[in-house]
PDB file of all heavy atoms in Angstrom:
ATOM      1  N   PHE A   1     -16.348   7.165 -19.553  1.00  0.00           N
ATOM      2  CA  PHE A   1     -17.588   6.895 -18.924  1.00  0.00           C
ATOM      3  C   PHE A   1     -17.904   7.936 -17.868  1.00  0.00           C
ATOM      4  O   PHE A   1     -17.059   8.677 -17.501  1.00  0.00           O
ATOM      5  CB  PHE A   1     -17.668   5.445 -18.281  1.00  0.00           C
ATOM      6  CG  PHE A   1     -16.759   5.296 -17.218  1.00  0.00           C
ATOM      7  CD1 PHE A   1     -17.101   5.354 -15.837  1.00  0.00           C
ATOM      8  CD2 PHE A   1     -15.317   5.033 -17.488  1.00  0.00           C
ATOM      9  CE1 PHE A   1     -16.186   5.208 -14.953  1.00  0.00           C
ATOM     10  CE2 PHE A   1     -14.398   4.862 -16.404  1.00  0.00           C
ATOM     11  CZ  PHE A   1     -14.913   4.888 -15.116  1.00  0.00           C
ATOM     12  N   SER A   2     -19.111   7.998 -17.348  1.00  0.00           N
ATOM     13  CA  SER A   2     -19.515   9.032 -16.338  1.00  0.00           C
ATOM     14  C   SER A   2     -19.642   8.274 -14.901  1.00  0.00           C
ATOM     15  O   SER A   2     -20.103   7.171 -14.907  1.00  0.00           O
ATOM     16  CB  SER A   2     -20.830   9.670 -16.672  1.00  0.00           C
ATOM     17  OG  SER A   2     -20.704  10.297 -17.924  1.00  0.00           O
ATOM     18  N   CYS A   3     -19.255   8.881 -13.983  1.00  0.00           N
ATOM     19  CA  CYS A   3     -19.326   8.353 -12.518  1.00  0.00           C
ATOM     20  C   CYS A   3     -20.914   8.231 -12.261  1.00  0.00           C
ATOM     21  O   CYS A   3     -21.661   9.248 -12.414  1.00  0.00           O
ATOM     22  CB  CYS A   3     -18.697   9.227 -11.498  1.00  0.00           C
ATOM     23  SG  CYS A   3     -18.958   8.666  -9.808  1.00  0.00           S
ATOM     24  N   PRO A   4     -21.326   7.070 -11.820  1.00  0.00           N
ATOM     25  CA  PRO A   4     -22.763   6.909 -11.597  1.00  0.00           C
ATOM     26  C   PRO A   4     -23.234   7.715 -10.410  1.00  0.00           C
ATOM     27  O   PRO A   4     -24.442   7.824 -10.159  1.00  0.00           O
ATOM     28  CB  PRO A   4     -22.860   5.360 -11.378  1.00  0.00           C
ATOM     29  CG  PRO A   4     -21.540   4.970 -10.958  1.00  0.00           C
ATOM     30  CD  PRO A   4     -20.603   5.881 -11.577  1.00  0.00           C
ATOM     31  N   HIS A   5     -22.261   8.252  -9.567  1.00  0.00           N
ATOM     32  CA  HIS A   5     -22.644   8.994  -8.310  1.00  0.00           C
ATOM     33  C   HIS A   5     -22.585  10.457  -8.594  1.00  0.00           C
ATOM     34  O   HIS A   5     -23.552  11.193  -8.174  1.00  0.00           O
ATOM     35  CB  HIS A   5     -21.665   8.575  -7.140  1.00  0.00           C
ATOM     36  CG  HIS A   5     -21.617   7.204  -6.858  1.00  0.00           C
ATOM     37  ND1 HIS A   5     -22.630   6.468  -6.186  1.00  0.00           N
ATOM     38  CD2 HIS A   5     -20.631   6.296  -7.184  1.00  0.00           C
ATOM     39  CE1 HIS A   5     -22.331   5.244  -6.119  1.00  0.00           C
ATOM     40  NE2 HIS A   5     -21.069   5.079  -6.667  1.00  0.00           N
ATOM     41  N   CYS A   6     -21.599  11.000  -9.223  1.00  0.00           N
ATOM     42  CA  CYS A   6     -21.505  12.430  -9.412  1.00  0.00           C
ATOM     43  C   CYS A   6     -21.532  12.887 -10.844  1.00  0.00           C
ATOM     44  O   CYS A   6     -21.396  14.105 -11.139  1.00  0.00           O
ATOM     45  CB  CYS A   6     -20.295  13.013  -8.731  1.00  0.00           C
ATOM     46  SG  CYS A   6     -18.758  12.408  -9.512  1.00  0.00           S
ATOM     47  N   SER A   7     -21.709  11.990 -11.925  1.00  0.00           N
ATOM     48  CA  SER A   7     -21.687  12.245 -13.190  1.00  0.00           C
ATOM     49  C   SER A   7     -20.445  12.869 -13.706  1.00  0.00           C
ATOM     50  O   SER A   7     -20.402  13.459 -14.889  1.00  0.00           O
ATOM     51  CB  SER A   7     -22.942  13.183 -13.478  1.00  0.00           C
ATOM     52  OG  SER A   7     -24.192  12.504 -13.242  1.00  0.00           O
ATOM     53  N   HIS A   8     -19.356  12.801 -13.067  1.00  0.00           N
ATOM     54  CA  HIS A   8     -18.150  13.270 -13.490  1.00  0.00           C
ATOM     55  C   HIS A   8     -17.583  12.382 -14.664  1.00  0.00           C
ATOM     56  O   HIS A   8     -17.705  11.060 -14.561  1.00  0.00           O
ATOM     57  CB  HIS A   8     -17.139  13.363 -12.355  1.00  0.00           C
ATOM     58  CG  HIS A   8     -15.818  13.920 -12.720  1.00  0.00           C
ATOM     59  ND1 HIS A   8     -15.566  15.248 -13.045  1.00  0.00           N
ATOM     60  CD2 HIS A   8     -14.633  13.291 -12.989  1.00  0.00           C
ATOM     61  CE1 HIS A   8     -14.353  15.356 -13.258  1.00  0.00           C
ATOM     62  NE2 HIS A   8     -13.701  14.143 -13.275  1.00  0.00           N
ATOM     63  N   ARG A   9     -17.139  12.982 -15.701  1.00  0.00           N
ATOM     64  CA  ARG A   9     -16.604  12.188 -16.772  1.00  0.00           C
ATOM     65  C   ARG A   9     -15.161  11.649 -16.485  1.00  0.00           C
ATOM     66  O   ARG A   9     -14.361  12.385 -16.012  1.00  0.00           O
ATOM     67  CB  ARG A   9     -16.449  13.051 -18.129  1.00  0.00           C
ATOM     68  CG  ARG A   9     -17.817  13.489 -18.660  1.00  0.00           C
ATOM     69  CD  ARG A   9     -18.697  12.335 -19.233  1.00  0.00           C
ATOM     70  NE  ARG A   9     -17.961  11.707 -20.442  1.00  0.00           N
ATOM     71  CZ  ARG A   9     -18.423  10.623 -21.086  1.00  0.00           C
ATOM     72  NH1 ARG A   9     -19.441   9.940 -20.482  1.00  0.00           N
ATOM     73  NH2 ARG A   9     -17.794  10.163 -22.111  1.00  0.00           N
ATOM     74  N   ILE A  10     -15.084  10.424 -16.699  1.00  0.00           N
ATOM     75  CA  ILE A  10     -13.832   9.728 -16.350  1.00  0.00           C
ATOM     76  C   ILE A  10     -13.181   9.017 -17.617  1.00  0.00           C
ATOM     77  O   ILE A  10     -13.989   8.539 -18.426  1.00  0.00           O
ATOM     78  CB  ILE A  10     -14.060   8.748 -15.159  1.00  0.00           C
ATOM     79  CG1 ILE A  10     -14.758   9.395 -13.973  1.00  0.00           C
ATOM     80  CG2 ILE A  10     -12.797   7.936 -14.807  1.00  0.00           C
ATOM     81  CD1 ILE A  10     -15.175   8.448 -12.898  1.00  0.00           C
ATOM     82  N   LYS A  11     -11.911   9.087 -17.759  1.00  0.00           N
ATOM     83  CA  LYS A  11     -11.141   8.336 -18.655  1.00  0.00           C
ATOM     84  C   LYS A  11     -10.295   7.208 -17.982  1.00  0.00           C
ATOM     85  O   LYS A  11      -9.665   7.451 -16.935  1.00  0.00           O
ATOM     86  CB  LYS A  11     -10.249   9.281 -19.407  1.00  0.00           C
ATOM     87  CG  LYS A  11     -10.980  10.289 -20.335  1.00  0.00           C
ATOM     88  CD  LYS A  11      -9.953  11.184 -21.003  1.00  0.00           C
ATOM     89  CE  LYS A  11     -10.772  12.278 -21.924  1.00  0.00           C
ATOM     90  NZ  LYS A  11      -9.685  13.035 -22.659  1.00  0.00           N
ATOM     91  N   ALA A  12     -10.301   6.045 -18.493  1.00  0.00           N
ATOM     92  CA  ALA A  12      -9.565   4.918 -18.009  1.00  0.00           C
ATOM     93  C   ALA A  12      -8.926   4.127 -19.097  1.00  0.00           C
ATOM     94  O   ALA A  12      -9.382   4.095 -20.263  1.00  0.00           O
ATOM     95  CB  ALA A  12     -10.507   4.033 -17.116  1.00  0.00           C
ATOM     96  N   GLN A  13      -7.879   3.494 -18.683  1.00  0.00           N
ATOM     97  CA  GLN A  13      -7.180   2.592 -19.625  1.00  0.00           C
ATOM     98  C   GLN A  13      -8.001   1.251 -19.965  1.00  0.00           C
ATOM     99  O   GLN A  13      -8.714   0.844 -19.126  1.00  0.00           O
ATOM    100  CB  GLN A  13      -5.830   2.196 -19.080  1.00  0.00           C
ATOM    101  CG  GLN A  13      -4.820   3.289 -18.937  1.00  0.00           C
ATOM    102  CD  GLN A  13      -4.440   3.983 -20.239  1.00  0.00           C
ATOM    103  OE1 GLN A  13      -4.344   3.378 -21.273  1.00  0.00           O
ATOM    104  NE2 GLN A  13      -4.235   5.277 -20.221  1.00  0.00           N
ATOM    105  N   LEU A  14      -7.794   0.669 -21.104  1.00  0.00           N
ATOM    106  CA  LEU A  14      -8.512  -0.525 -21.474  1.00  0.00           C
ATOM    107  C   LEU A  14      -8.176  -1.642 -20.492  1.00  0.00           C
ATOM    108  O   LEU A  14      -8.985  -2.440 -20.120  1.00  0.00           O
ATOM    109  CB  LEU A  14      -8.242  -0.966 -22.893  1.00  0.00           C
ATOM    110  CG  LEU A  14      -8.928  -0.110 -23.981  1.00  0.00           C
ATOM    111  CD1 LEU A  14      -8.340  -0.590 -25.364  1.00  0.00           C
ATOM    112  CD2 LEU A  14     -10.399  -0.331 -23.999  1.00  0.00           C
ATOM    113  N   ALA A  15      -6.896  -1.560 -19.968  1.00  0.00           N
ATOM    114  CA  ALA A  15      -6.503  -2.690 -19.026  1.00  0.00           C
ATOM    115  C   ALA A  15      -7.230  -2.679 -17.755  1.00  0.00           C
ATOM    116  O   ALA A  15      -7.166  -3.638 -17.074  1.00  0.00           O
ATOM    117  CB  ALA A  15      -5.027  -2.580 -18.887  1.00  0.00           C
ATOM    118  N   THR A  16      -7.864  -1.467 -17.446  1.00  0.00           N
ATOM    119  CA  THR A  16      -8.583  -1.505 -16.185  1.00  0.00           C
ATOM    120  C   THR A  16     -10.071  -1.862 -16.248  1.00  0.00           C
ATOM    121  O   THR A  16     -10.814  -1.654 -15.310  1.00  0.00           O
ATOM    122  CB  THR A  16      -8.504  -0.056 -15.577  1.00  0.00           C
ATOM    123  OG1 THR A  16      -9.137   0.964 -16.503  1.00  0.00           O
ATOM    124  CG2 THR A  16      -7.053   0.344 -15.423  1.00  0.00           C
ATOM    125  N   ALA A  17     -10.482  -2.262 -17.410  1.00  0.00           N
ATOM    126  CA  ALA A  17     -11.919  -2.488 -17.594  1.00  0.00           C
ATOM    127  C   ALA A  17     -12.295  -3.672 -16.709  1.00  0.00           C
ATOM    128  O   ALA A  17     -11.547  -4.741 -16.607  1.00  0.00           O
ATOM    129  CB  ALA A  17     -12.090  -2.954 -19.110  1.00  0.00           C
ATOM    130  N   GLY A  18     -13.462  -3.452 -15.973  1.00  0.00           N
ATOM    131  CA  GLY A  18     -13.940  -4.463 -15.039  1.00  0.00           C
ATOM    132  C   GLY A  18     -13.298  -4.399 -13.705  1.00  0.00           C
ATOM    133  O   GLY A  18     -13.622  -5.262 -12.852  1.00  0.00           O
ATOM    134  N   ILE A  19     -12.422  -3.489 -13.435  1.00  0.00           N
ATOM    135  CA  ILE A  19     -11.741  -3.402 -12.133  1.00  0.00           C
ATOM    136  C   ILE A  19     -12.464  -2.372 -11.338  1.00  0.00           C
ATOM    137  O   ILE A  19     -12.828  -1.289 -11.823  1.00  0.00           O
ATOM    138  CB  ILE A  19     -10.198  -3.034 -12.308  1.00  0.00           C
ATOM    139  CG1 ILE A  19      -9.544  -4.105 -13.148  1.00  0.00           C
ATOM    140  CG2 ILE A  19      -9.644  -2.815 -10.928  1.00  0.00           C
ATOM    141  CD1 ILE A  19      -8.079  -3.804 -13.406  1.00  0.00           C
ATOM    142  N   ARG A  20     -12.560  -2.623 -10.040  1.00  0.00           N
ATOM    143  CA  ARG A  20     -13.140  -1.739  -9.000  1.00  0.00           C
ATOM    144  C   ARG A  20     -12.093  -0.629  -8.682  1.00  0.00           C
ATOM    145  O   ARG A  20     -10.927  -0.891  -8.526  1.00  0.00           O
ATOM    146  CB  ARG A  20     -13.603  -2.437  -7.717  1.00  0.00           C
ATOM    147  CG  ARG A  20     -14.824  -3.379  -7.949  1.00  0.00           C
ATOM    148  CD  ARG A  20     -15.125  -3.993  -6.721  1.00  0.00           C
ATOM    149  NE  ARG A  20     -15.668  -3.072  -5.695  1.00  0.00           N
ATOM    150  CZ  ARG A  20     -16.930  -2.611  -5.634  1.00  0.00           C
ATOM    151  NH1 ARG A  20     -17.790  -2.972  -6.538  1.00  0.00           N
ATOM    152  NH2 ARG A  20     -17.188  -1.737  -4.752  1.00  0.00           N
ATOM    153  N   SER A  21     -12.661   0.618  -8.606  1.00  0.00           N
ATOM    154  CA  SER A  21     -11.739   1.867  -8.338  1.00  0.00           C
ATOM    155  C   SER A  21     -12.488   2.826  -7.642  1.00  0.00           C
ATOM    156  O   SER A  21     -13.653   2.615  -7.187  1.00  0.00           O
ATOM    157  CB  SER A  21     -11.154   2.326  -9.660  1.00  0.00           C
ATOM    158  OG  SER A  21     -10.242   3.402  -9.357  1.00  0.00           O
ATOM    159  N   LYS A  22     -11.954   4.141  -7.503  1.00  0.00           N
ATOM    160  CA  LYS A  22     -12.661   5.187  -6.877  1.00  0.00           C
ATOM    161  C   LYS A  22     -12.786   6.393  -7.903  1.00  0.00           C
ATOM    162  O   LYS A  22     -11.852   6.649  -8.686  1.00  0.00           O
ATOM    163  CB  LYS A  22     -11.884   5.738  -5.584  1.00  0.00           C
ATOM    164  CG  LYS A  22     -11.969   4.773  -4.497  1.00  0.00           C
ATOM    165  CD  LYS A  22     -11.312   5.286  -3.312  1.00  0.00           C
ATOM    166  CE  LYS A  22     -11.350   4.408  -2.139  1.00  0.00           C
ATOM    167  NZ  LYS A  22     -12.659   4.179  -1.577  1.00  0.00           N
ATOM    168  N   CYS A  23     -13.861   7.054  -7.808  1.00  0.00           N
ATOM    169  CA  CYS A  23     -14.107   8.272  -8.652  1.00  0.00           C
ATOM    170  C   CYS A  23     -13.065   9.340  -8.280  1.00  0.00           C
ATOM    171  O   CYS A  23     -12.973   9.643  -7.028  1.00  0.00           O
ATOM    172  CB  CYS A  23     -15.547   8.769  -8.518  1.00  0.00           C
ATOM    173  SG  CYS A  23     -15.792  10.319  -9.483  1.00  0.00           S
ATOM    174  N   PRO A  24     -12.346   9.858  -9.106  1.00  0.00           N
ATOM    175  CA  PRO A  24     -11.300  10.949  -8.801  1.00  0.00           C
ATOM    176  C   PRO A  24     -12.054  12.244  -8.318  1.00  0.00           C
ATOM    177  O   PRO A  24     -11.347  13.009  -7.731  1.00  0.00           O
ATOM    178  CB  PRO A  24     -10.579  11.072 -10.079  1.00  0.00           C
ATOM    179  CG  PRO A  24     -11.403  10.737 -11.199  1.00  0.00           C
ATOM    180  CD  PRO A  24     -12.293   9.601 -10.618  1.00  0.00           C
ATOM    181  N   HIS A  25     -13.236  12.359  -8.476  1.00  0.00           N
ATOM    182  CA  HIS A  25     -14.007  13.617  -8.172  1.00  0.00           C
ATOM    183  C   HIS A  25     -14.767  13.399  -6.867  1.00  0.00           C
ATOM    184  O   HIS A  25     -14.445  14.202  -5.922  1.00  0.00           O
ATOM    185  CB  HIS A  25     -15.011  13.964  -9.254  1.00  0.00           C
ATOM    186  CG  HIS A  25     -15.668  15.345  -8.981  1.00  0.00           C
ATOM    187  ND1 HIS A  25     -16.876  15.455  -8.478  1.00  0.00           N
ATOM    188  CD2 HIS A  25     -15.223  16.559  -9.150  1.00  0.00           C
ATOM    189  CE1 HIS A  25     -17.217  16.683  -8.317  1.00  0.00           C
ATOM    190  NE2 HIS A  25     -16.136  17.347  -8.783  1.00  0.00           N
ATOM    191  N   CYS A  26     -15.493  12.347  -6.749  1.00  0.00           N
ATOM    192  CA  CYS A  26     -16.267  12.213  -5.404  1.00  0.00           C
ATOM    193  C   CYS A  26     -15.775  11.121  -4.494  1.00  0.00           C
ATOM    194  O   CYS A  26     -16.383  10.905  -3.491  1.00  0.00           O
ATOM    195  CB  CYS A  26     -17.825  12.006  -5.834  1.00  0.00           C
ATOM    196  SG  CYS A  26     -18.125  10.379  -6.687  1.00  0.00           S
ATOM    197  N   LYS A  27     -14.797  10.511  -5.046  1.00  0.00           N
ATOM    198  CA  LYS A  27     -14.163   9.401  -4.251  1.00  0.00           C
ATOM    199  C   LYS A  27     -15.100   8.175  -3.973  1.00  0.00           C
ATOM    200  O   LYS A  27     -14.811   7.335  -3.145  1.00  0.00           O
ATOM    201  CB  LYS A  27     -13.649   9.982  -2.910  1.00  0.00           C
ATOM    202  CG  LYS A  27     -12.714  11.113  -3.046  1.00  0.00           C
ATOM    203  CD  LYS A  27     -11.522  10.923  -3.902  1.00  0.00           C
ATOM    204  CE  LYS A  27     -10.564  12.138  -3.989  1.00  0.00           C
ATOM    205  NZ  LYS A  27      -9.424  11.891  -4.913  1.00  0.00           N
ATOM    206  N   ALA A  28     -16.132   8.078  -4.711  1.00  0.00           N
ATOM    207  CA  ALA A  28     -17.083   6.996  -4.493  1.00  0.00           C
ATOM    208  C   ALA A  28     -16.482   5.717  -5.173  1.00  0.00           C
ATOM    209  O   ALA A  28     -15.769   5.816  -6.211  1.00  0.00           O
ATOM    210  CB  ALA A  28     -18.431   7.266  -5.014  1.00  0.00           C
ATOM    211  N   ASN A  29     -16.922   4.562  -4.748  1.00  0.00           N
ATOM    212  CA  ASN A  29     -16.432   3.321  -5.245  1.00  0.00           C
ATOM    213  C   ASN A  29     -17.201   3.125  -6.665  1.00  0.00           C
ATOM    214  O   ASN A  29     -18.450   3.161  -6.702  1.00  0.00           O
ATOM    215  CB  ASN A  29     -16.632   2.146  -4.357  1.00  0.00           C
ATOM    216  CG  ASN A  29     -15.808   2.244  -3.187  1.00  0.00           C
ATOM    217  OD1 ASN A  29     -14.607   2.649  -3.276  1.00  0.00           O
ATOM    218  ND2 ASN A  29     -16.253   1.699  -2.047  1.00  0.00           N
ATOM    219  N   ILE A  30     -16.390   2.806  -7.638  1.00  0.00           N
ATOM    220  CA  ILE A  30     -17.016   2.634  -8.931  1.00  0.00           C
ATOM    221  C   ILE A  30     -16.355   1.360  -9.630  1.00  0.00           C
ATOM    222  O   ILE A  30     -15.261   1.025  -9.184  1.00  0.00           O
ATOM    223  CB  ILE A  30     -16.779   3.917  -9.957  1.00  0.00           C
ATOM    224  CG1 ILE A  30     -15.378   4.158 -10.098  1.00  0.00           C
ATOM    225  CG2 ILE A  30     -17.622   5.095  -9.430  1.00  0.00           C
ATOM    226  CD1 ILE A  30     -15.115   5.228 -11.045  1.00  0.00           C
ATOM    227  N   THR A  31     -16.860   0.925 -10.737  1.00  0.00           N
ATOM    228  CA  THR A  31     -16.306  -0.156 -11.473  1.00  0.00           C
ATOM    229  C   THR A  31     -16.103   0.250 -12.910  1.00  0.00           C
ATOM    230  O   THR A  31     -17.034   0.761 -13.529  1.00  0.00           O
ATOM    231  CB  THR A  31     -17.179  -1.520 -11.429  1.00  0.00           C
ATOM    232  OG1 THR A  31     -17.303  -1.902 -10.029  1.00  0.00           O
ATOM    233  CG2 THR A  31     -16.519  -2.606 -12.285  1.00  0.00           C
ATOM    234  N   VAL A  32     -14.873   0.292 -13.378  1.00  0.00           N
ATOM    235  CA  VAL A  32     -14.590   0.640 -14.752  1.00  0.00           C
ATOM    236  C   VAL A  32     -15.383  -0.275 -15.663  1.00  0.00           C
ATOM    237  O   VAL A  32     -15.251  -1.451 -15.644  1.00  0.00           O
ATOM    238  CB  VAL A  32     -13.094   0.691 -15.107  1.00  0.00           C
ATOM    239  CG1 VAL A  32     -12.850   1.010 -16.536  1.00  0.00           C
ATOM    240  CG2 VAL A  32     -12.347   1.471 -14.086  1.00  0.00           C
ATOM    241  N   PRO A  33     -16.327   0.267 -16.449  1.00  0.00           N
ATOM    242  CA  PRO A  33     -17.173  -0.501 -17.361  1.00  0.00           C
ATOM    243  C   PRO A  33     -16.314  -1.209 -18.490  1.00  0.00           C
ATOM    244  O   PRO A  33     -15.242  -0.713 -18.880  1.00  0.00           O
ATOM    245  CB  PRO A  33     -18.179   0.416 -17.872  1.00  0.00           C
ATOM    246  CG  PRO A  33     -17.466   1.760 -17.912  1.00  0.00           C
ATOM    247  CD  PRO A  33     -16.642   1.738 -16.736  1.00  0.00           C
ATOM    248  N   MET A  34     -16.886  -2.337 -18.979  1.00  0.00           N
ATOM    249  CA  MET A  34     -16.301  -2.987 -20.203  1.00  0.00           C
ATOM    250  C   MET A  34     -16.762  -2.161 -21.444  1.00  0.00           C
ATOM    251  O   MET A  34     -17.890  -1.802 -21.515  1.00  0.00           O
ATOM    252  CB  MET A  34     -16.801  -4.428 -20.266  1.00  0.00           C
ATOM    253  CG  MET A  34     -16.335  -5.274 -19.085  1.00  0.00           C
ATOM    254  SD  MET A  34     -14.565  -5.741 -19.257  1.00  0.00           S
ATOM    255  CE  MET A  34     -14.693  -6.865 -20.619  1.00  0.00           C
ATOM    256  N   PRO A  35     -15.772  -1.958 -22.387  1.00  0.00           N
ATOM    257  CA  PRO A  35     -16.340  -1.372 -23.615  1.00  0.00           C
ATOM    258  C   PRO A  35     -17.253  -2.415 -24.330  1.00  0.00           C
ATOM    259  O   PRO A  35     -17.205  -3.506 -24.185  1.00  0.00           O
ATOM    260  CB  PRO A  35     -14.998  -1.127 -24.415  1.00  0.00           C
ATOM    261  CG  PRO A  35     -14.035  -2.094 -23.865  1.00  0.00           C
ATOM    262  CD  PRO A  35     -14.396  -2.193 -22.344  1.00  0.00           C
ATOM    263  N   GLU A  36     -18.145  -1.736 -25.176  1.00  0.00           N
ATOM    264  CA  GLU A  36     -19.126  -2.619 -25.842  1.00  0.00           C
ATOM    265  C   GLU A  36     -18.493  -3.735 -26.653  1.00  0.00           C
ATOM    266  O   GLU A  36     -18.991  -4.816 -26.720  1.00  0.00           O
ATOM    267  CB  GLU A  36     -20.075  -1.747 -26.648  1.00  0.00           C
ATOM    268  CG  GLU A  36     -20.840  -0.844 -25.873  1.00  0.00           C
ATOM    269  CD  GLU A  36     -21.871   0.030 -26.748  1.00  0.00           C
ATOM    270  OE1 GLU A  36     -21.806  -0.231 -28.022  1.00  0.00           O
ATOM    271  OE2 GLU A  36     -22.637   0.822 -26.215  1.00  0.00           O
ATOM    272  N   TYR A  37     -17.425  -3.439 -27.370  1.00  0.00           N
ATOM    273  CA  TYR A  37     -16.842  -4.429 -28.177  1.00  0.00           C
ATOM    274  C   TYR A  37     -16.113  -5.537 -27.471  1.00  0.00           C
ATOM    275  O   TYR A  37     -15.616  -6.513 -27.936  1.00  0.00           O
ATOM    276  CB  TYR A  37     -15.898  -3.779 -29.266  1.00  0.00           C
ATOM    277  CG  TYR A  37     -14.703  -3.085 -28.688  1.00  0.00           C
ATOM    278  CD1 TYR A  37     -13.609  -3.729 -28.352  1.00  0.00           C
ATOM    279  CD2 TYR A  37     -14.804  -1.687 -28.487  1.00  0.00           C
ATOM    280  CE1 TYR A  37     -12.534  -2.994 -27.802  1.00  0.00           C
ATOM    281  CE2 TYR A  37     -13.815  -0.961 -27.923  1.00  0.00           C
ATOM    282  CZ  TYR A  37     -12.670  -1.527 -27.694  1.00  0.00           C
ATOM    283  OH  TYR A  37     -11.538  -0.985 -27.167  1.00  0.00           O
ATOM    284  N   LEU A  38     -15.919  -5.298 -26.043  1.00  0.00           N
ATOM    285  CA  LEU A  38     -15.292  -6.328 -25.274  1.00  0.00           C
ATOM    286  C   LEU A  38     -16.224  -7.180 -24.466  1.00  0.00           C
ATOM    287  O   LEU A  38     -15.946  -8.040 -23.706  1.00  0.00           O
ATOM    288  CB  LEU A  38     -14.178  -5.681 -24.333  1.00  0.00           C
ATOM    289  CG  LEU A  38     -13.052  -5.207 -25.127  1.00  0.00           C
ATOM    290  CD1 LEU A  38     -12.005  -4.537 -23.985  1.00  0.00           C
ATOM    291  CD2 LEU A  38     -12.246  -6.292 -25.872  1.00  0.00           C
ATOM    292  N   GLU A  39     -17.631  -6.777 -24.546  1.00  0.00           N
ATOM    293  CA  GLU A  39     -18.559  -7.544 -23.632  1.00  0.00           C
ATOM    294  C   GLU A  39     -18.696  -9.019 -24.075  1.00  0.00           C
ATOM    295  O   GLU A  39     -18.575  -9.260 -25.381  1.00  0.00           O
ATOM    296  CB  GLU A  39     -19.892  -6.864 -23.852  1.00  0.00           C
ATOM    297  CG  GLU A  39     -19.990  -5.432 -23.138  1.00  0.00           C
ATOM    298  CD  GLU A  39     -21.395  -4.885 -23.224  1.00  0.00           C
ATOM    299  OE1 GLU A  39     -22.234  -5.579 -23.787  1.00  0.00           O
ATOM    300  OE2 GLU A  39     -21.579  -3.836 -22.718  1.00  0.00           O
ATOM    301  N   PRO A  40     -18.713  -9.906 -23.213  1.00  0.00           N
ATOM    302  CA  PRO A  40     -18.775 -11.318 -23.554  1.00  0.00           C
ATOM    303  C   PRO A  40     -20.031 -11.619 -24.445  1.00  0.00           C
ATOM    304  O   PRO A  40     -21.046 -10.979 -24.246  1.00  0.00           O
ATOM    305  CB  PRO A  40     -18.952 -12.047 -22.166  1.00  0.00           C
ATOM    306  CG  PRO A  40     -19.394 -10.980 -21.218  1.00  0.00           C
ATOM    307  CD  PRO A  40     -18.868  -9.668 -21.698  1.00  0.00           C
ATOM    308  N   ILE A  41     -19.821 -12.406 -25.383  1.00  0.00           N
ATOM    309  CA  ILE A  41     -20.833 -12.855 -26.314  1.00  0.00           C
ATOM    310  C   ILE A  41     -21.719 -13.903 -25.594  1.00  0.00           C
ATOM    311  O   ILE A  41     -21.250 -14.831 -25.089  1.00  0.00           O
ATOM    312  CB  ILE A  41     -20.276 -13.520 -27.573  1.00  0.00           C
ATOM    313  CG1 ILE A  41     -19.292 -12.345 -28.378  1.00  0.00           C
ATOM    314  CG2 ILE A  41     -21.348 -13.866 -28.516  1.00  0.00           C
ATOM    315  CD1 ILE A  41     -18.598 -12.957 -29.486  1.00  0.00           C
ATOM    316  N   LYS A  42     -23.041 -13.666 -25.733  1.00  0.00           N
ATOM    317  CA  LYS A  42     -23.960 -14.612 -25.218  1.00  0.00           C
ATOM    318  C   LYS A  42     -24.378 -15.686 -26.287  1.00  0.00           C
ATOM    319  O   LYS A  42     -24.830 -15.301 -27.266  1.00  0.00           O
ATOM    320  CB  LYS A  42     -25.223 -13.856 -24.687  1.00  0.00           C
ATOM    321  CG  LYS A  42     -24.983 -12.898 -23.538  1.00  0.00           C
ATOM    322  CD  LYS A  42     -26.316 -12.243 -23.112  1.00  0.00           C
ATOM    323  CE  LYS A  42     -26.045 -11.257 -21.980  1.00  0.00           C
ATOM    324  NZ  LYS A  42     -27.281 -10.614 -21.524  1.00  0.00           N
ATOM    325  N   HIS A  43     -24.011 -16.812 -25.892  1.00  0.00           N
ATOM    326  CA  HIS A  43     -24.242 -17.939 -26.837  1.00  0.00           C
ATOM    327  C   HIS A  43     -25.562 -18.528 -26.598  1.00  0.00           C
ATOM    328  O   HIS A  43     -26.027 -18.703 -25.389  1.00  0.00           O
ATOM    329  CB  HIS A  43     -23.156 -19.037 -26.761  1.00  0.00           C
ATOM    330  CG  HIS A  43     -21.785 -18.483 -27.133  1.00  0.00           C
ATOM    331  ND1 HIS A  43     -21.428 -18.389 -28.475  1.00  0.00           N
ATOM    332  CD2 HIS A  43     -20.756 -18.125 -26.324  1.00  0.00           C
ATOM    333  CE1 HIS A  43     -20.150 -17.889 -28.511  1.00  0.00           C
ATOM    334  NE2 HIS A  43     -19.777 -17.790 -27.192  1.00  0.00           N
ATOM    335  N   GLU A  44     -26.232 -18.896 -27.610  1.00  0.00           N
ATOM    336  CA  GLU A  44     -27.589 -19.633 -27.462  1.00  0.00           C
ATOM    337  C   GLU A  44     -27.236 -21.072 -27.060  1.00  0.00           C
ATOM    338  O   GLU A  44     -26.252 -21.676 -27.346  1.00  0.00           O
ATOM    339  CB  GLU A  44     -28.307 -19.737 -28.819  1.00  0.00           C
ATOM    340  CG  GLU A  44     -28.807 -18.278 -29.230  1.00  0.00           C
ATOM    341  CD  GLU A  44     -29.550 -18.390 -30.482  1.00  0.00           C
ATOM    342  OE1 GLU A  44     -29.804 -19.535 -30.961  1.00  0.00           O
ATOM    343  OE2 GLU A  44     -30.003 -17.329 -30.998  1.00  0.00           O
ATOM    344  N   PRO A  45     -28.136 -21.675 -26.208  1.00  0.00           N
ATOM    345  CA  PRO A  45     -27.903 -22.965 -25.685  1.00  0.00           C
ATOM    346  C   PRO A  45     -27.964 -23.942 -26.901  1.00  0.00           C
ATOM    347  O   PRO A  45     -28.721 -23.787 -27.812  1.00  0.00           O
ATOM    348  CB  PRO A  45     -29.135 -23.179 -24.746  1.00  0.00           C
ATOM    349  CG  PRO A  45     -30.160 -22.234 -25.175  1.00  0.00           C
ATOM    350  CD  PRO A  45     -29.346 -20.977 -25.636  1.00  0.00           C
ATOM    351  N   GLU A  46     -27.078 -24.941 -26.845  1.00  0.00           N
ATOM    352  CA  GLU A  46     -27.115 -25.977 -27.926  1.00  0.00           C
ATOM    353  C   GLU A  46     -28.323 -26.679 -27.962  1.00  0.00           C
ATOM    354  O   GLU A  46     -28.996 -26.977 -26.979  1.00  0.00           O
ATOM    355  CB  GLU A  46     -25.868 -26.933 -27.698  1.00  0.00           C
ATOM    356  CG  GLU A  46     -24.497 -26.261 -27.702  1.00  0.00           C
ATOM    357  CD  GLU A  46     -23.450 -27.406 -27.581  1.00  0.00           C
ATOM    358  OE1 GLU A  46     -23.812 -28.520 -27.446  1.00  0.00           O
ATOM    359  OE2 GLU A  46     -22.311 -26.976 -27.565  1.00  0.00           O
TER     360      GLU A  46
END
């Protein structure tokens, strides 16, 4: 994914998805995004 502050491309392990961290380039606080196939499924109300 790309850092939302400096657009630096970042690689992260799947285990860190959803965890807050720092951009290795600009040191800004970022959150490792969830991969699309791991996003929670939105269920329709019963």
